[in-house]
Amino acid sequence: RIPKKNASTTIKEAKPT
């Protein structure tokens, strides 16, 4: 499971918006 904090980072890495 990915913590919410890491989830945000993962989205940024995959989708830098």
N, C-alpha and C. Protein backbone atom coordinates (compact mmCIF):
# COMPACT_ATOMS: atom_id res chain seq x y z
N ARG A 1 0.84 -1.21 0.00
CA ARG A 1 0.00 0.00 0.00
C ARG A 1 0.87 1.25 0.00
N ILE A 2 0.49 2.24 -0.76
CA ILE A 2 1.29 3.47 -0.82
C ILE A 2 0.62 4.54 0.05
N PRO A 3 1.37 5.12 0.99
CA PRO A 3 0.81 6.17 1.84
C PRO A 3 0.35 7.36 0.99
N LYS A 4 -0.55 8.13 1.51
CA LYS A 4 -1.06 9.28 0.74
C LYS A 4 0.09 10.22 0.34
N LYS A 5 1.03 10.41 1.24
CA LYS A 5 2.17 11.30 0.94
C LYS A 5 2.94 10.77 -0.28
N ASN A 6 3.20 9.46 -0.26
CA ASN A 6 3.95 8.87 -1.38
C ASN A 6 3.09 8.83 -2.64
N ALA A 7 1.80 8.66 -2.46
CA ALA A 7 0.89 8.58 -3.61
C ALA A 7 1.01 9.87 -4.42
N SER A 8 1.03 10.99 -3.74
CA SER A 8 1.14 12.28 -4.45
C SER A 8 2.44 12.33 -5.24
N THR A 9 3.52 11.86 -4.62
CA THR A 9 4.82 11.88 -5.29
C THR A 9 4.80 10.95 -6.49
N THR A 10 4.20 9.79 -6.34
CA THR A 10 4.16 8.83 -7.44
C THR A 10 3.42 9.44 -8.63
N ILE A 11 2.32 10.12 -8.36
CA ILE A 11 1.54 10.74 -9.45
C ILE A 11 2.40 11.82 -10.12
N LYS A 12 3.11 12.58 -9.32
CA LYS A 12 3.96 13.64 -9.88
C LYS A 12 5.04 13.04 -10.78
N GLU A 13 5.63 11.93 -10.35
CA GLU A 13 6.70 11.29 -11.14
C GLU A 13 6.14 10.76 -12.45
N ALA A 14 4.97 10.14 -12.38
CA ALA A 14 4.39 9.55 -13.59
C ALA A 14 3.69 10.63 -14.43
N LYS A 15 3.13 11.63 -13.76
CA LYS A 15 2.38 12.67 -14.49
C LYS A 15 2.74 14.05 -13.96
N PRO A 16 3.86 14.58 -14.33
CA PRO A 16 4.25 15.93 -13.85
C PRO A 16 3.32 16.97 -14.43
N THR A 17 2.36 17.40 -13.66
CA THR A 17 1.36 18.35 -14.19
C THR A 17 1.48 19.70 -13.48
